[in-house]
C-alpha atoms as a PDB file:
ATOM      1  CA  MET A   1      88.006 118.173  28.986  1.00  0.00           C
ATOM      2  CA  THR A   2      90.306 115.043  29.851  1.00  0.00           C
ATOM      3  CA  ASN A   3      91.585 112.305  27.620  1.00  0.00           C
ATOM      4  CA  ASP A   4      92.018 110.383  31.303  1.00  0.00           C
ATOM      5  CA  PRO A   5      91.228 106.419  29.856  1.00  0.00           C
ATOM      6  CA  ALA A   6      89.710 105.413  33.244  1.00  0.00           C
ATOM      7  CA  SER A   7      87.285 108.179  32.485  1.00  0.00           C
ATOM      8  CA  THR A   8      86.503 106.922  28.860  1.00  0.00           C
ATOM      9  CA  ARG A   9      86.323 103.456  30.550  1.00  0.00           C
ATOM     10  CA  ALA A  10      83.811 104.348  32.883  1.00  0.00           C
ATOM     11  CA  ALA A  11      81.797 105.616  30.270  1.00  0.00           C
ATOM     12  CA  LEU A  12      81.772 103.103  27.897  1.00  0.00           C
ATOM     13  CA  GLY A  13      81.905 100.772  30.381  1.00  0.00           C
ATOM     14  CA  GLY A  14      78.312 102.398  31.800  1.00  0.00           C
ATOM     15  CA  THR A  15      76.856 101.942  28.355  1.00  0.00           C
ATOM     16  CA  ALA A  16      77.480  98.251  27.802  1.00  0.00           C
ATOM     17  CA  ILE A  17      75.611  97.514  30.703  1.00  0.00           C
ATOM     18  CA  LEU A  18      73.107 100.046  29.481  1.00  0.00           C
ATOM     19  CA  MET A  19      72.666  98.443  26.498  1.00  0.00           C
ATOM     20  CA  ALA A  20      72.503  94.350  28.059  1.00  0.00           C
ATOM     21  CA  CYS A  21      69.385  93.638  28.342  1.00  0.00           C
ATOM     22  CA  ALA A  22      68.782  93.352  32.450  1.00  0.00           C
ATOM     23  CA  CYS A  23      65.098  91.957  32.178  1.00  0.00           C
ATOM     24  CA  GLY A  24      65.592  88.329  33.214  1.00  0.00           C
ATOM     25  CA  ALA A  25      68.351  88.969  35.199  1.00  0.00           C
ATOM     26  CA  ALA A  26      66.353  91.531  37.020  1.00  0.00           C
ATOM     27  CA  ALA A  27      63.431  88.633  37.944  1.00  0.00           C
ATOM     28  CA  ASN A  28      65.935  86.248  38.291  1.00  0.00           C
ATOM     29  CA  SER A  29      67.506  88.110  41.544  1.00  0.00           C
ATOM     30  CA  ALA A  30      64.553  89.001  42.734  1.00  0.00           C
ATOM     31  CA  LYS A  31      64.088  85.208  43.483  1.00  0.00           C
ATOM     32  CA  LEU A  32      67.692  84.576  44.951  1.00  0.00           C
ATOM     33  CA  VAL A  33      67.511  87.779  46.789  1.00  0.00           C
ATOM     34  CA  ALA A  34      63.863  86.232  48.563  1.00  0.00           C
ATOM     35  CA  LEU A  35      65.796  83.251  49.645  1.00  0.00           C
ATOM     36  CA  GLY A  36      67.280  85.172  51.790  1.00  0.00           C
ATOM     37  CA  GLY A  37      63.907  86.368  53.573  1.00  0.00           C
ATOM     38  CA  VAL A  38      64.444  89.936  51.501  1.00  0.00           C
ATOM     39  CA  ALA A  39      61.071  90.895  49.942  1.00  0.00           C
ATOM     40  CA  ALA A  40      61.964  92.441  46.249  1.00  0.00           C
ATOM     41  CA  SER A  41      60.506  92.371  42.415  1.00  0.00           C
ATOM     42  CA  THR A  42      61.865  92.350  39.203  1.00  0.00           C
ATOM     43  CA  ARG A  43      60.422  96.198  39.090  1.00  0.00           C
ATOM     44  CA  LEU A  44      62.579  97.181  42.140  1.00  0.00           C
ATOM     45  CA  LEU A  45      65.709  95.330  40.963  1.00  0.00           C
ATOM     46  CA  HIS A  46      65.477  96.491  37.178  1.00  0.00           C
ATOM     47  CA  PRO A  47      66.311  99.955  38.124  1.00  0.00           C
ATOM     48  CA  VAL A  48      68.937  98.663  40.589  1.00  0.00           C
ATOM     49  CA  PHE A  49      70.949  97.727  37.258  1.00  0.00           C
ATOM     50  CA  ILE A  50      70.298 100.797  35.060  1.00  0.00           C
ATOM     51  CA  GLY A  51      71.595 103.184  38.211  1.00  0.00           C
ATOM     52  CA  VAL A  52      75.052 101.122  38.343  1.00  0.00           C
ATOM     53  CA  ALA A  53      74.933 101.819  34.544  1.00  0.00           C
ATOM     54  CA  ALA A  54      74.514 105.414  35.060  1.00  0.00           C
ATOM     55  CA  ALA A  55      76.282 106.429  37.475  1.00  0.00           C
ATOM     56  CA  LEU A  56      79.395 105.002  35.807  1.00  0.00           C
ATOM     57  CA  VAL A  57      78.268 107.004  32.570  1.00  0.00           C
ATOM     58  CA  VAL A  58      78.045 110.214  34.484  1.00  0.00           C
ATOM     59  CA  TYR A  59      81.047 109.574  36.081  1.00  0.00           C
ATOM     60  CA  GLY A  60      82.854 109.106  33.175  1.00  0.00           C
ATOM     61  CA  LEU A  61      81.243 112.057  30.897  1.00  0.00           C
ATOM     62  CA  TRP A  62      81.588 114.190  33.661  1.00  0.00           C
ATOM     63  CA  ARG A  63      85.369 113.561  34.147  1.00  0.00           C
ATOM     64  CA  THR A  64      86.003 113.457  30.302  1.00  0.00           C
ATOM     65  CA  PHE A  65      83.529 117.094  29.584  1.00  0.00           C
ATOM     66  CA  ARG A  66      81.750 118.588  32.672  1.00  0.00           C
ATOM     67  CA  PRO A  67      79.159 120.061  30.533  1.00  0.00           C
ATOM     68  CA  SER A  68      77.992 116.114  29.376  1.00  0.00           C
ATOM     69  CA  GLY A  69      78.562 114.887  32.234  1.00  0.00           C
ATOM     70  CA  TYR A  70      75.548 117.645  33.730  1.00  0.00           C
ATOM     71  CA  LEU A  71      73.499 116.622  30.232  1.00  0.00           C
ATOM     72  CA  ALA A  72      74.185 112.483  31.079  1.00  0.00           C
ATOM     73  CA  ALA A  73      72.702 113.220  34.901  1.00  0.00           C
ATOM     74  CA  GLY A  74      69.997 115.085  33.130  1.00  0.00           C
ATOM     75  CA  ALA A  75      69.266 112.308  30.230  1.00  0.00           C
ATOM     76  CA  PHE A  76      68.869 109.730  33.383  1.00  0.00           C
ATOM     77  CA  ALA A  77      66.225 111.672  35.095  1.00  0.00           C
ATOM     78  CA  THR A  78      64.459 111.724  32.476  1.00  0.00           C
ATOM     79  CA  LEU A  79      64.860 107.945  31.665  1.00  0.00           C
ATOM     80  CA  ALA A  80      63.542 107.657  34.943  1.00  0.00           C
ATOM     81  CA  ALA A  81      60.496 109.812  35.031  1.00  0.00           C
ATOM     82  CA  GLY A  82      59.566 107.490  31.607  1.00  0.00           C
ATOM     83  CA  ALA A  83      60.199 104.499  33.579  1.00  0.00           C
ATOM     84  CA  VAL A  84      57.288 105.508  36.017  1.00  0.00           C
ATOM     85  CA  LEU A  85      55.240 106.456  33.181  1.00  0.00           C
ATOM     86  CA  THR A  86      55.839 103.482  31.297  1.00  0.00           C
ATOM     87  CA  PRO A  87      57.684 100.897  33.179  1.00  0.00           C
ATOM     88  CA  PRO A  88      58.976  97.594  31.975  1.00  0.00           C
ATOM     89  CA  SER A  89      56.225  95.845  32.724  1.00  0.00           C
ATOM     90  CA  VAL A  90      53.895  97.146  29.910  1.00  0.00           C
ATOM     91  CA  MET A  91      56.526  96.826  27.178  1.00  0.00           C
ATOM     92  CA  SER A  92      55.061  93.324  25.960  1.00  0.00           C
ATOM     93  CA  VAL A  93      51.912  91.951  23.844  1.00  0.00           C
ATOM     94  CA  LYS A  94      49.925  92.277  25.961  1.00  0.00           C
ATOM     95  CA  ALA A  95      50.095  95.623  27.310  1.00  0.00           C
ATOM     96  CA  LEU A  96      49.661  96.889  23.805  1.00  0.00           C
ATOM     97  CA  PRO A  97      48.842  99.230  22.335  1.00  0.00           C
ATOM     98  CA  TRP A  98      49.149 101.422  24.815  1.00  0.00           C
ATOM     99  CA  ASP A  99      47.506 104.656  26.467  1.00  0.00           C
ATOM    100  CA  ALA A 100      48.448 108.129  26.143  1.00  0.00           C
ATOM    101  CA  VAL A 101      50.216 108.691  29.128  1.00  0.00           C
ATOM    102  CA  GLN A 102      52.026 105.385  28.763  1.00  0.00           C
ATOM    103  CA  VAL A 103      53.074 107.284  24.913  1.00  0.00           C
ATOM    104  CA  ALA A 104      54.400 109.885  26.386  1.00  0.00           C
ATOM    105  CA  GLY A 105      56.116 107.658  28.818  1.00  0.00           C
ATOM    106  CA  ALA A 106      57.775 106.293  25.872  1.00  0.00           C
ATOM    107  CA  GLY A 107      58.179 109.334  23.891  1.00  0.00           C
ATOM    108  CA  LEU A 108      60.432 110.396  27.532  1.00  0.00           C
ATOM    109  CA  TYR A 109      63.033 107.322  26.870  1.00  0.00           C
ATOM    110  CA  ILE A 110      63.290 108.796  22.893  1.00  0.00           C
ATOM    111  CA  VAL A 111      64.245 112.154  24.545  1.00  0.00           C
ATOM    112  CA  ALA A 112      66.359 110.357  27.224  1.00  0.00           C
ATOM    113  CA  ALA A 113      68.096 108.610  24.422  1.00  0.00           C
ATOM    114  CA  GLY A 114      68.668 111.778  22.449  1.00  0.00           C
ATOM    115  CA  ILE A 115      70.025 114.047  25.395  1.00  0.00           C
ATOM    116  CA  LEU A 116      72.573 111.373  26.798  1.00  0.00           C
ATOM    117  CA  GLY A 117      73.746 110.606  22.660  1.00  0.00           C
ATOM    118  CA  TYR A 118      74.403 114.253  22.731  1.00  0.00           C
ATOM    119  CA  ALA A 119      76.472 113.948  25.554  1.00  0.00           C
ATOM    120  CA  PHE A 120      78.638 111.611  24.137  1.00  0.00           C
ATOM    121  CA  TRP A 121      79.330 113.434  20.938  1.00  0.00           C
ATOM    122  CA  ARG A 122      79.885 116.562  22.646  1.00  0.00           C
ATOM    123  CA  ALA A 123      82.537 114.781  25.041  1.00  0.00           C
ATOM    124  CA  PHE A 124      84.107 112.727  21.869  1.00  0.00           C
ATOM    125  CA  PRO A 125      84.455 115.151  19.310  1.00  0.00           C
ATOM    126  CA  SER A 126      84.925 113.476  16.014  1.00  0.00           C
ATOM    127  CA  PRO A 127      86.519 114.616  12.619  1.00  0.00           C
ATOM    128  CA  ARG A 128      83.636 113.114  10.931  1.00  0.00           C
ATOM    129  CA  PRO A 129      80.477 114.132  13.512  1.00  0.00           C
ATOM    130  CA  ALA A 130      77.960 112.931  10.908  1.00  0.00           C
ATOM    131  CA  ALA A 131      79.645 109.615  11.402  1.00  0.00           C
ATOM    132  CA  SER A 132      79.880 109.869  14.857  1.00  0.00           C
ATOM    133  CA  ALA A 133      75.776 110.575  15.320  1.00  0.00           C
ATOM    134  CA  THR A 134      75.249 107.974  12.950  1.00  0.00           C
ATOM    135  CA  ALA A 135      77.111 105.236  15.197  1.00  0.00           C
ATOM    136  CA  ILE A 136      75.892 106.762  18.477  1.00  0.00           C
ATOM    137  CA  GLY A 137      72.419 106.931  16.966  1.00  0.00           C
ATOM    138  CA  GLY A 138      72.761 103.188  16.288  1.00  0.00           C
ATOM    139  CA  ALA A 139      73.561 102.191  19.517  1.00  0.00           C
ATOM    140  CA  ALA A 140      70.450 104.273  21.189  1.00  0.00           C
ATOM    141  CA  LEU A 141      68.420 102.349  18.666  1.00  0.00           C
ATOM    142  CA  ALA A 142      70.412  98.680  20.373  1.00  0.00           C
ATOM    143  CA  THR A 143      69.321  99.875  23.600  1.00  0.00           C
ATOM    144  CA  GLY A 144      67.743  97.567  26.049  1.00  0.00           C
ATOM    145  CA  CYS A 145      65.231  94.712  24.128  1.00  0.00           C
ATOM    146  CA  SER A 146      61.685  93.993  23.772  1.00  0.00           C
ATOM    147  CA  CYS A 147      60.841  94.423  27.547  1.00  0.00           C
ATOM    148  CA  CYS A 148      62.675  97.421  28.494  1.00  0.00           C
ATOM    149  CA  LEU A 149      64.493 100.999  27.050  1.00  0.00           C
ATOM    150  CA  MET A 150      65.110 102.326  23.989  1.00  0.00           C
ATOM    151  CA  THR A 151      64.615  99.075  22.047  1.00  0.00           C
ATOM    152  CA  GLY A 152      61.172  98.061  23.703  1.00  0.00           C
ATOM    153  CA  ALA A 153      59.973 102.021  23.876  1.00  0.00           C
ATOM    154  CA  VAL A 154      60.394 102.139  19.872  1.00  0.00           C
ATOM    155  CA  ALA A 155      58.974  98.504  19.512  1.00  0.00           C
ATOM    156  CA  GLY A 156      55.952 100.029  21.598  1.00  0.00           C
ATOM    157  CA  LEU A 157      55.482 103.047  19.882  1.00  0.00           C
ATOM    158  CA  ALA A 158      55.572 101.442  16.762  1.00  0.00           C
ATOM    159  CA  VAL A 159      52.925  98.821  17.568  1.00  0.00           C
ATOM    160  CA  THR A 160      50.310 101.770  18.702  1.00  0.00           C
ATOM    161  CA  ALA A 161      50.514 103.487  16.200  1.00  0.00           C
ATOM    162  CA  GLY A 162      49.341 100.520  14.001  1.00  0.00           C
ATOM    163  CA  ALA A 163      52.641  98.248  13.153  1.00  0.00           C
ATOM    164  CA  SER A 164      52.228  94.601  13.091  1.00  0.00           C
ATOM    165  CA  ALA A 165      51.970  93.362  16.833  1.00  0.00           C
ATOM    166  CA  PRO A 166      55.052  90.410  16.166  1.00  0.00           C
ATOM    167  CA  LEU A 167      57.334  93.660  16.079  1.00  0.00           C
ATOM    168  CA  VAL A 168      57.719  93.351  19.635  1.00  0.00           C
ATOM    169  CA  GLU A 169      58.305  89.699  19.511  1.00  0.00           C
ATOM    170  CA  SER A 170      60.972  90.252  16.669  1.00  0.00           C
ATOM    171  CA  THR A 171      63.037  93.347  18.544  1.00  0.00           C
ATOM    172  CA  PRO A 172      66.271  91.705  16.673  1.00  0.00           C
ATOM    173  CA  LEU A 173      64.996  93.488  13.507  1.00  0.00           C
ATOM    174  CA  LEU A 174      65.370  96.952  15.539  1.00  0.00           C
ATOM    175  CA  PHE A 175      68.345  95.515  17.717  1.00  0.00           C
ATOM    176  CA  TRP A 176      70.306  94.836  13.970  1.00  0.00           C
ATOM    177  CA  SER A 177      68.739  97.802  12.471  1.00  0.00           C
ATOM    178  CA  GLY A 178      70.783 100.013  15.106  1.00  0.00           C
ATOM    179  CA  LEU A 179      73.949  98.027  15.203  1.00  0.00           C
ATOM    180  CA  ALA A 180      74.234  98.407  11.241  1.00  0.00           C
ATOM    181  CA  ALA A 181      74.204 101.968  11.629  1.00  0.00           C
ATOM    182  CA  VAL A 182      76.797 101.789  14.357  1.00  0.00           C
ATOM    183  CA  SER A 183      79.013  99.759  12.243  1.00  0.00           C
ATOM    184  CA  ALA A 184      78.455 102.128   9.411  1.00  0.00           C
ATOM    185  CA  GLY A 185      79.084 104.953  11.424  1.00  0.00           C
ATOM    186  CA  LEU A 186      82.176 103.438  12.892  1.00  0.00           C
ATOM    187  CA  PHE A 187      83.646 102.017   9.740  1.00  0.00           C
ATOM    188  CA  ARG A 188      83.951 105.804   8.958  1.00  0.00           C
ATOM    189  CA  LEU A 189      85.433 106.765  11.401  1.00  0.00           C
ATOM    190  CA  GLY A 190      88.024 103.938  12.534  1.00  0.00           C
ATOM    191  CA  GLY A 191      87.840 101.666   9.545  1.00  0.00           C
ATOM    192  CA  LEU A 192      87.085  97.840   9.093  1.00  0.00           C
ATOM    193  CA  ARG A 193      88.985  97.032  12.607  1.00  0.00           C
ATOM    194  CA  ALA A 194      86.444  99.585  14.654  1.00  0.00           C
ATOM    195  CA  ALA A 195      83.414  98.173  12.273  1.00  0.00           C
ATOM    196  CA  LEU A 196      83.579  94.697  13.025  1.00  0.00           C
ATOM    197  CA  TRP A 197      83.628  94.632  16.577  1.00  0.00           C
ATOM    198  CA  VAL A 198      79.824  95.678  16.218  1.00  0.00           C
ATOM    199  CA  PRO A 199      78.441  92.131  14.676  1.00  0.00           C
ATOM    200  CA  ALA A 200      81.248  90.436  16.647  1.00  0.00           C
ATOM    201  CA  GLY A 201      79.358  92.011  20.351  1.00  0.00           C
ATOM    202  CA  GLY A 202      76.182  91.360  18.717  1.00  0.00           C
ATOM    203  CA  LEU A 203      76.599  87.859  17.833  1.00  0.00           C
ATOM    204  CA  ILE A 204      77.559  87.360  21.369  1.00  0.00           C
ATOM    205  CA  VAL A 205      74.792  89.322  22.656  1.00  0.00           C
ATOM    206  CA  LYS A 206      71.971  87.012  20.870  1.00  0.00           C
ATOM    207  CA  TYR A 207      73.514  83.648  20.409  1.00  0.00           C
ATOM    208  CA  GLY A 208      75.778  83.812  24.009  1.00  0.00           C
ATOM    209  CA  PRO A 209      73.281  82.984  26.046  1.00  0.00           C
ATOM    210  CA  GLU A 210      71.491  80.319  23.736  1.00  0.00           C
ATOM    211  CA  VAL A 211      74.864  78.321  24.017  1.00  0.00           C
ATOM    212  CA  LEU A 212      74.746  78.348  27.568  1.00  0.00           C
ATOM    213  CA  LYS A 213      71.243  76.672  27.334  1.00  0.00           C
ATOM    214  CA  LEU A 214      73.504  73.519  26.210  1.00  0.00           C
ATOM    215  CA  SER A 215      74.469  73.289  29.574  1.00  0.00           C
ATOM    216  CA  GLY A 216      70.964  73.112  30.764  1.00  0.00           C
ATOM    217  CA  ASP A 217      69.347  74.000  33.696  1.00  0.00           C
ATOM    218  CA  TRP A 218      71.144  75.126  37.065  1.00  0.00           C
ATOM    219  CA  VAL A 219      68.568  75.260  39.676  1.00  0.00           C
ATOM    220  CA  ILE A 220      68.724  75.898  43.228  1.00  0.00           C
ATOM    221  CA  SER A 221      66.000  76.762  45.317  1.00  0.00           C
ATOM    222  CA  GLY A 222      63.737  77.328  41.773  1.00  0.00           C
ATOM    223  CA  VAL A 223      66.030  79.691  41.098  1.00  0.00           C
ATOM    224  CA  ASN A 224      67.728  78.886  37.709  1.00  0.00           C
ATOM    225  CA  LEU A 225      70.999  80.141  38.480  1.00  0.00           C
ATOM    226  CA  ARG A 226      72.537  80.109  34.747  1.00  0.00           C
ATOM    227  CA  PHE A 227      71.208  83.947  34.310  1.00  0.00           C
ATOM    228  CA  LEU A 228      74.148  84.987  36.112  1.00  0.00           C
ATOM    229  CA  PRO A 229      76.399  83.936  33.327  1.00  0.00           C
ATOM    230  CA  SER A 230      73.819  84.453  30.729  1.00  0.00           C
ATOM    231  CA  TYR A 231      73.986  88.089  32.017  1.00  0.00           C
ATOM    232  CA  LEU A 232      77.759  88.505  32.029  1.00  0.00           C
ATOM    233  CA  VAL A 233      78.001  87.092  28.646  1.00  0.00           C
ATOM    234  CA  THR A 234      75.521  89.604  27.274  1.00  0.00           C
ATOM    235  CA  ILE A 235      77.652  92.430  28.890  1.00  0.00           C
ATOM    236  CA  ALA A 236      80.603  90.840  27.132  1.00  0.00           C
ATOM    237  CA  GLY A 237      78.852  91.328  23.765  1.00  0.00           C
ATOM    238  CA  THR A 238      77.720  94.941  23.923  1.00  0.00           C
ATOM    239  CA  GLY A 239      81.430  95.534  25.828  1.00  0.00           C
ATOM    240  CA  ALA A 240      82.559  94.457  22.128  1.00  0.00           C
ATOM    241  CA  ILE A 241      80.252  96.673  20.489  1.00  0.00           C
ATOM    242  CA  MET A 242      81.861  99.455  22.634  1.00  0.00           C
ATOM    243  CA  TYR A 243      85.497  98.552  22.596  1.00  0.00           C
ATOM    244  CA  GLY A 244      84.583  99.232  18.498  1.00  0.00           C
ATOM    245  CA  PHE A 245      83.586 103.048  19.667  1.00  0.00           C
ATOM    246  CA  ALA A 246      86.805 102.977  21.759  1.00  0.00           C
ATOM    247  CA  VAL A 247      88.939 101.626  18.701  1.00  0.00           C
ATOM    248  CA  ALA A 248      87.455 104.403  16.553  1.00  0.00           C
ATOM    249  CA  HIS A 249      87.704 107.196  18.727  1.00  0.00           C
ATOM    250  CA  GLN A 250      91.734 106.461  19.071  1.00  0.00           C
ATOM    251  CA  VAL A 251      91.509 106.277  15.107  1.00  0.00           C
ATOM    252  CA  ALA A 252      89.985 109.545  14.743  1.00  0.00           C
ATOM    253  CA  GLY A 253      92.127 110.783  17.254  1.00  0.00           C
ATOM    254  CA  SER A 254      95.276 109.647  15.393  1.00  0.00           C
ATOM    255  CA  ARG A 255      94.072 111.478  12.286  1.00  0.00           C
ATOM    256  CA  ILE A 256      93.461 114.664  14.350  1.00  0.00           C
ATOM    257  CA  ALA A 257      97.153 114.435  15.323  1.00  0.00           C
ATOM    258  CA  GLU A 258      98.393 113.922  11.905  1.00  0.00           C
ATOM    259  CA  ALA A 259      96.586 116.881  10.495  1.00  0.00           C
ATOM    260  CA  SER A 260      97.771 119.418  13.217  1.00  0.00           C
ATOM    261  CA  TRP A 261     101.306 118.078  12.207  1.00  0.00           C
ATOM    262  CA  ALA A 262     101.222 118.355   8.338  1.00  0.00           C
ATOM    263  CA  PRO A 263     100.821 121.837   8.165  1.00  0.00           C
ATOM    264  CA  LEU A 264     104.653 121.919   9.492  1.00  0.00           C
ATOM    265  CA  GLY A 265     105.667 119.403   7.399  1.00  0.00           C
ATOM    266  CA  ARG A 266     106.707 117.069  10.107  1.00  0.00           C
ATOM    267  CA  GLU A 267     105.685 113.614  11.640  1.00  0.00           C
ATOM    268  CA  PRO A 268     103.742 113.647  15.032  1.00  0.00           C
ATOM    269  CA  ALA A 269     105.870 112.641  18.057  1.00  0.00           C
ATOM    270  CA  LEU A 270     105.419 109.242  19.063  1.00  0.00           C
ATOM    271  CA  GLY A 271     105.796 108.564  22.861  1.00  0.00           C
END
């Protein structure tokens, strides 16, 4: 196991990209590349965004704790299988309820999230494992949106099981519920300073793109280029949430160091 900061940044940065909803960015990217004569669909480009996130996460975890890197690779393979059975295109009210195959695919999303969460939990051990698990689980629930990944899968399964269809259109409920769990877990791990990054990031994710709408549409050849800064703002928001994890991990590491020195009656060396 290594405490290389670059590895940690790669893992958390990849997670920030994974958490950010890339559906709109993928759809507009498809229109943009079509202007250059390249035929590409949203279904083809969406996995590209997820692939970038996966590469960063797997690399970061592999460098931090090799078994977690292998677990992460398995998690993304499971996620890919789930996406084949239940692609983002069926995560909408019109496509619900799901059939048995689509339910199985959504189940694979949850399995993948569990494996990936365990990989992070192993790679970044905490003096309070339950709090760490709570924060990681909350982040998993808040990953994606109504049309992709964990949030879409959970909403779709709930509606298929009999919940009200507006749940899919009201995924902010799932998003903020997940962030509440993240904030509670990080508060236990790193105190208020770590926890406050979570709602701050959530507000950026949900309202940053709305603020950009005040600038109007940036349409060129039928493509609204406002999607580019909107997506970057969303990543900035999820990045802030991940920074809360980094702060909590740093505080937790300091506590472990202090505890290891306490029996000797000495303070840990600085520098």
